[in-house]
Every structure is written in structure tokens, then in C-alpha cells.
Amino acid sequence: MKNKFLKYCIALFFIGSTTIAFAQPGTGSDNNGIDDNGGADSTPATPIDDYVGILTLVGLSYVLYKVKTNQKEEKAI
């Protein structure tokens, strides 16, 4: 029981920490979108930020699939 609980806690930690693990903006983006010169910020968005949620869903679906197949194999034995 402790082992399962620990695994769930670790998984939740890693899934929950993706929101703060996004790529950091450039040096001009520390003023809420206004560049250091007073103009609009021109730092491009990092493309991996768009797909972190999708990759999380793919990973979770794979884990659930593997757990389900392992349970079926245990019942057959």
C-alpha cells in the first residue's frame, strides 16, 4: 500500500510541476510584456509550452493501458 501511495504522490508531483517548468522568457519579458526600452516585448514563445499538456495526456493514457494489460495477465494466471 505504501509503495502504491508513493508512486501516486510522485506522479502527481511531476504532473503538477509542469506548470512551473515551462521555458523561461527572455531578458526583456520581466515587465509584463513591455520591453526594457518601453516598447512591446518581442520575445518569441517557446513551442514546447504548447505541447506539455498533450504529452502528459499521452503518457497517462500509456500508463493506464499498461496497468490494465498487467491486471488482465495477473487474473489469467
PDB file of N, CA and C in Angstrom:
ATOM      1  N   MET A   1       0.827  -1.189   0.000  1.00  0.00           N
ATOM      2  CA  MET A   1       0.000   0.000   0.000  1.00  0.00           C
ATOM      3  C   MET A   1       0.875   1.257   0.000  1.00  0.00           C
ATOM      4  N   LYS A   2       1.949   1.235   0.811  1.00  0.00           N
ATOM      5  CA  LYS A   2       2.841   2.388   0.849  1.00  0.00           C
ATOM      6  C   LYS A   2       3.501   2.617  -0.508  1.00  0.00           C
ATOM      7  N   ASN A   3       3.853   1.524  -1.172  1.00  0.00           N
ATOM      8  CA  ASN A   3       4.526   1.622  -2.457  1.00  0.00           C
ATOM      9  C   ASN A   3       3.620   2.277  -3.498  1.00  0.00           C
ATOM     10  N   LYS A   4       2.343   1.864  -3.552  1.00  0.00           N
ATOM     11  CA  LYS A   4       1.397   2.466  -4.495  1.00  0.00           C
ATOM     12  C   LYS A   4       1.176   3.935  -4.167  1.00  0.00           C
ATOM     13  N   PHE A   5       1.016   4.236  -2.892  1.00  0.00           N
ATOM     14  CA  PHE A   5       0.784   5.618  -2.484  1.00  0.00           C
ATOM     15  C   PHE A   5       1.968   6.505  -2.866  1.00  0.00           C
ATOM     16  N   LEU A   6       3.161   6.001  -2.662  1.00  0.00           N
ATOM     17  CA  LEU A   6       4.366   6.753  -3.012  1.00  0.00           C
ATOM     18  C   LEU A   6       4.441   6.991  -4.520  1.00  0.00           C
ATOM     19  N   LYS A   7       4.116   5.982  -5.302  1.00  0.00           N
ATOM     20  CA  LYS A   7       4.123   6.133  -6.758  1.00  0.00           C
ATOM     21  C   LYS A   7       3.110   7.184  -7.202  1.00  0.00           C
ATOM     22  N   TYR A   8       1.918   7.174  -6.615  1.00  0.00           N
ATOM     23  CA  TYR A   8       0.899   8.161  -6.977  1.00  0.00           C
ATOM     24  C   TYR A   8       1.337   9.571  -6.581  1.00  0.00           C
ATOM     25  N   CYS A   9       1.947   9.697  -5.425  1.00  0.00           N
ATOM     26  CA  CYS A   9       2.414  11.015  -4.990  1.00  0.00           C
ATOM     27  C   CYS A   9       3.503  11.546  -5.915  1.00  0.00           C
ATOM     28  N   ILE A  10       4.419  10.698  -6.301  1.00  0.00           N
ATOM     29  CA  ILE A  10       5.483  11.123  -7.214  1.00  0.00           C
ATOM     30  C   ILE A  10       4.902  11.511  -8.566  1.00  0.00           C
ATOM     31  N   ALA A  11       3.971  10.727  -9.070  1.00  0.00           N
ATOM     32  CA  ALA A  11       3.343  11.042 -10.359  1.00  0.00           C
ATOM     33  C   ALA A  11       2.590  12.364 -10.287  1.00  0.00           C
ATOM     34  N   LEU A  12       1.841  12.583  -9.232  1.00  0.00           N
ATOM     35  CA  LEU A  12       1.114  13.843  -9.085  1.00  0.00           C
ATOM     36  C   LEU A  12       2.057  15.027  -8.958  1.00  0.00           C
ATOM     37  N   PHE A  13       3.184  14.828  -8.293  1.00  0.00           N
ATOM     38  CA  PHE A  13       4.163  15.897  -8.174  1.00  0.00           C
ATOM     39  C   PHE A  13       4.704  16.292  -9.543  1.00  0.00           C
ATOM     40  N   PHE A  14       5.080  15.309 -10.338  1.00  0.00           N
ATOM     41  CA  PHE A  14       5.637  15.614 -11.652  1.00  0.00           C
ATOM     42  C   PHE A  14       4.596  16.211 -12.590  1.00  0.00           C
ATOM     43  N   ILE A  15       3.359  15.735 -12.520  1.00  0.00           N
ATOM     44  CA  ILE A  15       2.311  16.297 -13.370  1.00  0.00           C
ATOM     45  C   ILE A  15       1.980  17.719 -12.930  1.00  0.00           C
ATOM     46  N   GLY A  16       1.928  17.938 -11.629  1.00  0.00           N
ATOM     47  CA  GLY A  16       1.606  19.268 -11.123  1.00  0.00           C
ATOM     48  C   GLY A  16       2.728  20.274 -11.307  1.00  0.00           C
ATOM     49  N   SER A  17       3.943  19.800 -11.409  1.00  0.00           N
ATOM     50  CA  SER A  17       5.062  20.727 -11.538  1.00  0.00           C
ATOM     51  C   SER A  17       5.301  21.170 -12.977  1.00  0.00           C
ATOM     52  N   THR A  18       4.575  20.634 -13.940  1.00  0.00           N
ATOM     53  CA  THR A  18       4.792  21.050 -15.328  1.00  0.00           C
ATOM     54  C   THR A  18       4.367  22.492 -15.552  1.00  0.00           C
ATOM     55  N   THR A  19       3.446  22.991 -14.749  1.00  0.00           N
ATOM     56  CA  THR A  19       3.016  24.377 -14.943  1.00  0.00           C
ATOM     57  C   THR A  19       4.115  25.355 -14.579  1.00  0.00           C
ATOM     58  N   ILE A  20       4.996  24.993 -13.658  1.00  0.00           N
ATOM     59  CA  ILE A  20       6.099  25.888 -13.311  1.00  0.00           C
ATOM     60  C   ILE A  20       7.392  25.498 -14.008  1.00  0.00           C
ATOM     61  N   ALA A  21       7.350  24.446 -14.819  1.00  0.00           N
ATOM     62  CA  ALA A  21       8.543  24.003 -15.526  1.00  0.00           C
ATOM     63  C   ALA A  21       8.589  24.486 -16.967  1.00  0.00           C
ATOM     64  N   PHE A  22       7.702  25.417 -17.336  1.00  0.00           N
ATOM     65  CA  PHE A  22       7.725  25.953 -18.692  1.00  0.00           C
ATOM     66  C   PHE A  22       9.019  26.714 -18.927  1.00  0.00           C
ATOM     67  N   ALA A  23       9.375  26.848 -20.182  1.00  0.00           N
ATOM     68  CA  ALA A  23      10.590  27.579 -20.526  1.00  0.00           C
ATOM     69  C   ALA A  23      10.454  29.034 -20.095  1.00  0.00           C
ATOM     70  N   GLN A  24      11.525  29.570 -19.581  1.00  0.00           N
ATOM     71  CA  GLN A  24      11.514  30.947 -19.087  1.00  0.00           C
ATOM     72  C   GLN A  24      11.643  31.933 -20.251  1.00  0.00           C
ATOM     73  N   PRO A  25      10.960  33.072 -20.166  1.00  0.00           N
ATOM     74  CA  PRO A  25      11.069  34.069 -21.232  1.00  0.00           C
ATOM     75  C   PRO A  25      12.435  34.747 -21.225  1.00  0.00           C
ATOM     76  N   GLY A  26      12.700  35.510 -22.258  1.00  0.00           N
ATOM     77  CA  GLY A  26      13.978  36.199 -22.391  1.00  0.00           C
ATOM     78  C   GLY A  26      14.136  37.334 -21.403  1.00  0.00           C
ATOM     79  N   THR A  27      15.213  38.103 -21.524  1.00  0.00           N
ATOM     80  CA  THR A  27      15.518  39.164 -20.565  1.00  0.00           C
ATOM     81  C   THR A  27      14.551  40.333 -20.660  1.00  0.00           C
ATOM     82  N   GLY A  28      13.936  40.545 -21.804  1.00  0.00           N
ATOM     83  CA  GLY A  28      13.031  41.684 -21.953  1.00  0.00           C
ATOM     84  C   GLY A  28      11.627  41.419 -21.472  1.00  0.00           C
ATOM     85  N   SER A  29      11.327  40.224 -21.004  1.00  0.00           N
ATOM     86  CA  SER A  29       9.959  39.862 -20.663  1.00  0.00           C
ATOM     87  C   SER A  29       9.650  39.953 -19.177  1.00  0.00           C
ATOM     88  N   ASP A  30      10.462  40.635 -18.415  1.00  0.00           N
ATOM     89  CA  ASP A  30      10.217  40.676 -16.977  1.00  0.00           C
ATOM     90  C   ASP A  30       9.318  41.830 -16.554  1.00  0.00           C
ATOM     91  N   ASN A  31       8.787  42.584 -17.497  1.00  0.00           N
ATOM     92  CA  ASN A  31       7.939  43.733 -17.157  1.00  0.00           C
ATOM     93  C   ASN A  31       6.540  43.592 -17.726  1.00  0.00           C
ATOM     94  N   ASN A  32       5.955  42.440 -17.629  1.00  0.00           N
ATOM     95  CA  ASN A  32       4.597  42.173 -18.089  1.00  0.00           C
ATOM     96  C   ASN A  32       4.386  42.500 -19.558  1.00  0.00           C
ATOM     97  N   GLY A  33       5.294  42.071 -20.400  1.00  0.00           N
ATOM     98  CA  GLY A  33       5.129  42.244 -21.831  1.00  0.00           C
ATOM     99  C   GLY A  33       5.677  43.535 -22.383  1.00  0.00           C
ATOM    100  N   ILE A  34       6.316  44.340 -21.553  1.00  0.00           N
ATOM    101  CA  ILE A  34       6.899  45.595 -22.024  1.00  0.00           C
ATOM    102  C   ILE A  34       8.413  45.444 -21.995  1.00  0.00           C
ATOM    103  N   ASP A  35       9.040  45.746 -23.119  1.00  0.00           N
ATOM    104  CA  ASP A  35      10.485  45.593 -23.236  1.00  0.00           C
ATOM    105  C   ASP A  35      11.196  46.623 -22.371  1.00  0.00           C
ATOM    106  N   ASP A  36      12.494  46.433 -22.148  1.00  0.00           N
ATOM    107  CA  ASP A  36      13.276  47.355 -21.330  1.00  0.00           C
ATOM    108  C   ASP A  36      13.332  48.757 -21.938  1.00  0.00           C
ATOM    109  N   ASN A  37      13.169  48.856 -23.239  1.00  0.00           N
ATOM    110  CA  ASN A  37      13.173  50.157 -23.913  1.00  0.00           C
ATOM    111  C   ASN A  37      11.810  50.837 -23.888  1.00  0.00           C
ATOM    112  N   GLY A  38      10.795  50.203 -23.347  1.00  0.00           N
ATOM    113  CA  GLY A  38       9.460  50.791 -23.277  1.00  0.00           C
ATOM    114  C   GLY A  38       8.530  50.307 -24.371  1.00  0.00           C
ATOM    115  N   GLY A  39       9.038  49.568 -25.345  1.00  0.00           N
ATOM    116  CA  GLY A  39       8.211  49.050 -26.431  1.00  0.00           C
ATOM    117  C   GLY A  39       7.599  47.710 -26.066  1.00  0.00           C
ATOM    118  N   ALA A  40       6.895  47.142 -27.020  1.00  0.00           N
ATOM    119  CA  ALA A  40       6.286  45.836 -26.798  1.00  0.00           C
ATOM    120  C   ALA A  40       7.371  44.760 -26.771  1.00  0.00           C
ATOM    121  N   ASP A  41       7.137  43.748 -26.013  1.00  0.00           N
ATOM    122  CA  ASP A  41       8.105  42.657 -25.889  1.00  0.00           C
ATOM    123  C   ASP A  41       8.129  41.845 -27.180  1.00  0.00           C
ATOM    124  N   SER A  42       9.307  41.521 -27.652  1.00  0.00           N
ATOM    125  CA  SER A  42       9.445  40.774 -28.904  1.00  0.00           C
ATOM    126  C   SER A  42      10.012  39.380 -28.689  1.00  0.00           C
ATOM    127  N   THR A  43       9.978  38.881 -27.468  1.00  0.00           N
ATOM    128  CA  THR A  43      10.494  37.546 -27.184  1.00  0.00           C
ATOM    129  C   THR A  43       9.517  36.514 -27.726  1.00  0.00           C
ATOM    130  N   PRO A  44       9.963  35.627 -28.634  1.00  0.00           N
ATOM    131  CA  PRO A  44       9.035  34.635 -29.189  1.00  0.00           C
ATOM    132  C   PRO A  44       8.678  33.570 -28.147  1.00  0.00           C
ATOM    133  N   ALA A  45       7.503  32.994 -28.315  1.00  0.00           N
ATOM    134  CA  ALA A  45       7.068  31.927 -27.417  1.00  0.00           C
ATOM    135  C   ALA A  45       7.862  30.658 -27.694  1.00  0.00           C
ATOM    136  N   THR A  46       8.077  29.878 -26.678  1.00  0.00           N
ATOM    137  CA  THR A  46       8.781  28.622 -26.831  1.00  0.00           C
ATOM    138  C   THR A  46       7.772  27.554 -27.255  1.00  0.00           C
ATOM    139  N   PRO A  47       8.001  26.849 -28.365  1.00  0.00           N
ATOM    140  CA  PRO A  47       6.986  25.929 -28.880  1.00  0.00           C
ATOM    141  C   PRO A  47       6.704  24.723 -27.993  1.00  0.00           C
ATOM    142  N   ILE A  48       7.602  24.330 -27.102  1.00  0.00           N
ATOM    143  CA  ILE A  48       7.334  23.157 -26.274  1.00  0.00           C
ATOM    144  C   ILE A  48       6.245  23.448 -25.237  1.00  0.00           C
ATOM    145  N   ASP A  49       6.037  24.705 -24.899  1.00  0.00           N
ATOM    146  CA  ASP A  49       4.997  25.053 -23.937  1.00  0.00           C
ATOM    147  C   ASP A  49       3.611  24.648 -24.421  1.00  0.00           C
ATOM    148  N   ASP A  50       3.418  24.624 -25.715  1.00  0.00           N
ATOM    149  CA  ASP A  50       2.106  24.296 -26.267  1.00  0.00           C
ATOM    150  C   ASP A  50       1.761  22.823 -26.121  1.00  0.00           C
ATOM    151  N   TYR A  51       2.744  21.959 -26.026  1.00  0.00           N
ATOM    152  CA  TYR A  51       2.508  20.524 -26.099  1.00  0.00           C
ATOM    153  C   TYR A  51       2.736  19.778 -24.799  1.00  0.00           C
ATOM    154  N   VAL A  52       3.021  20.455 -23.722  1.00  0.00           N
ATOM    155  CA  VAL A  52       3.270  19.768 -22.453  1.00  0.00           C
ATOM    156  C   VAL A  52       2.007  19.059 -21.980  1.00  0.00           C
ATOM    157  N   GLY A  53       0.864  19.695 -22.081  1.00  0.00           N
ATOM    158  CA  GLY A  53      -0.399  19.069 -21.681  1.00  0.00           C
ATOM    159  C   GLY A  53      -0.741  17.863 -22.525  1.00  0.00           C
ATOM    160  N   ILE A  54      -0.498  17.976 -23.822  1.00  0.00           N
ATOM    161  CA  ILE A  54      -0.779  16.862 -24.722  1.00  0.00           C
ATOM    162  C   ILE A  54       0.145  15.684 -24.411  1.00  0.00           C
ATOM    163  N   LEU A  55       1.416  15.967 -24.187  1.00  0.00           N
ATOM    164  CA  LEU A  55       2.355  14.901 -23.852  1.00  0.00           C
ATOM    165  C   LEU A  55       2.000  14.240 -22.520  1.00  0.00           C
ATOM    166  N   THR A  56       1.477  15.017 -21.586  1.00  0.00           N
ATOM    167  CA  THR A  56       1.037  14.458 -20.305  1.00  0.00           C
ATOM    168  C   THR A  56      -0.126  13.496 -20.513  1.00  0.00           C
ATOM    169  N   LEU A  57      -1.092  13.889 -21.342  1.00  0.00           N
ATOM    170  CA  LEU A  57      -2.232  13.018 -21.613  1.00  0.00           C
ATOM    171  C   LEU A  57      -1.803  11.734 -22.321  1.00  0.00           C
ATOM    172  N   VAL A  58      -0.883  11.845 -23.258  1.00  0.00           N
ATOM    173  CA  VAL A  58      -0.382  10.657 -23.954  1.00  0.00           C
ATOM    174  C   VAL A  58       0.328   9.739 -22.970  1.00  0.00           C
ATOM    175  N   GLY A  59       1.150  10.301 -22.108  1.00  0.00           N
ATOM    176  CA  GLY A  59       1.856   9.494 -21.118  1.00  0.00           C
ATOM    177  C   GLY A  59       0.915   8.814 -20.140  1.00  0.00           C
ATOM    178  N   LEU A  60      -0.084   9.536 -19.666  1.00  0.00           N
ATOM    179  CA  LEU A  60      -1.049   8.940 -18.738  1.00  0.00           C
ATOM    180  C   LEU A  60      -1.860   7.843 -19.401  1.00  0.00           C
ATOM    181  N   SER A  61      -2.259   8.053 -20.648  1.00  0.00           N
ATOM    182  CA  SER A  61      -3.029   7.014 -21.337  1.00  0.00           C
ATOM    183  C   SER A  61      -2.177   5.761 -21.545  1.00  0.00           C
ATOM    184  N   TYR A  62      -0.890   5.938 -21.822  1.00  0.00           N
ATOM    185  CA  TYR A  62       0.001   4.785 -21.969  1.00  0.00           C
ATOM    186  C   TYR A  62       0.147   4.038 -20.645  1.00  0.00           C
ATOM    187  N   VAL A  63       0.301   4.768 -19.562  1.00  0.00           N
ATOM    188  CA  VAL A  63       0.429   4.141 -18.243  1.00  0.00           C
ATOM    189  C   VAL A  63      -0.843   3.375 -17.894  1.00  0.00           C
ATOM    190  N   LEU A  64      -1.998   3.978 -18.125  1.00  0.00           N
ATOM    191  CA  LEU A  64      -3.257   3.293 -17.829  1.00  0.00           C
ATOM    192  C   LEU A  64      -3.429   2.044 -18.686  1.00  0.00           C
ATOM    193  N   TYR A  65      -3.016   2.112 -19.941  1.00  0.00           N
ATOM    194  CA  TYR A  65      -3.080   0.953 -20.824  1.00  0.00           C
ATOM    195  C   TYR A  65      -2.201  -0.185 -20.296  1.00  0.00           C
ATOM    196  N   LYS A  66      -0.979   0.148 -19.892  1.00  0.00           N
ATOM    197  CA  LYS A  66      -0.068  -0.878 -19.389  1.00  0.00           C
ATOM    198  C   LYS A  66      -0.576  -1.480 -18.075  1.00  0.00           C
ATOM    199  N   VAL A  67      -1.128  -0.652 -17.197  1.00  0.00           N
ATOM    200  CA  VAL A  67      -1.670  -1.157 -15.939  1.00  0.00           C
ATOM    201  C   VAL A  67      -2.832  -2.104 -16.208  1.00  0.00           C
ATOM    202  N   LYS A  68      -3.683  -1.730 -17.145  1.00  0.00           N
ATOM    203  CA  LYS A  68      -4.839  -2.562 -17.469  1.00  0.00           C
ATOM    204  C   LYS A  68      -4.403  -3.906 -18.047  1.00  0.00           C
ATOM    205  N   THR A  69      -3.416  -3.898 -18.937  1.00  0.00           N
ATOM    206  CA  THR A  69      -2.954  -5.163 -19.506  1.00  0.00           C
ATOM    207  C   THR A  69      -2.249  -6.022 -18.456  1.00  0.00           C
ATOM    208  N   ASN A  70      -1.528  -5.417 -17.529  1.00  0.00           N
ATOM    209  CA  ASN A  70      -0.880  -6.180 -16.463  1.00  0.00           C
ATOM    210  C   ASN A  70      -1.901  -6.822 -15.537  1.00  0.00           C
ATOM    211  N   GLN A  71      -2.994  -6.112 -15.270  1.00  0.00           N
ATOM    212  CA  GLN A  71      -4.036  -6.673 -14.418  1.00  0.00           C
ATOM    213  C   GLN A  71      -4.723  -7.864 -15.087  1.00  0.00           C
ATOM    214  N   LYS A  72      -4.912  -7.773 -16.402  1.00  0.00           N
ATOM    215  CA  LYS A  72      -5.519  -8.886 -17.123  1.00  0.00           C
ATOM    216  C   LYS A  72      -4.617 -10.110 -17.098  1.00  0.00           C
ATOM    217  N   GLU A  73      -3.306  -9.891 -17.223  1.00  0.00           N
ATOM    218  CA  GLU A  73      -2.373 -11.010 -17.186  1.00  0.00           C
ATOM    219  C   GLU A  73      -2.325 -11.650 -15.810  1.00  0.00           C
ATOM    220  N   GLU A  74      -2.441 -10.862 -14.753  1.00  0.00           N
ATOM    221  CA  GLU A  74      -2.423 -11.409 -13.397  1.00  0.00           C
ATOM    222  C   GLU A  74      -3.680 -12.231 -13.126  1.00  0.00           C
ATOM    223  N   LYS A  75      -4.812 -11.796 -13.653  1.00  0.00           N
ATOM    224  CA  LYS A  75      -6.051 -12.539 -13.459  1.00  0.00           C
ATOM    225  C   LYS A  75      -6.024 -13.859 -14.223  1.00  0.00           C
ATOM    226  N   ALA A  76      -5.345 -13.890 -15.356  1.00  0.00           N
ATOM    227  CA  ALA A  76      -5.281 -15.115 -16.172  1.00  0.00           C
ATOM    228  C   ALA A  76      -4.401 -16.173 -15.513  1.00  0.00           C
ATOM    229  N   ILE A  77      -3.469 -15.744 -14.713  1.00  0.00           N
ATOM    230  CA  ILE A  77      -2.545 -16.703 -14.070  1.00  0.00           C
ATOM    231  C   ILE A  77      -3.143 -17.359 -12.893  1.00  0.00           C
TER     232      ILE A  77
END
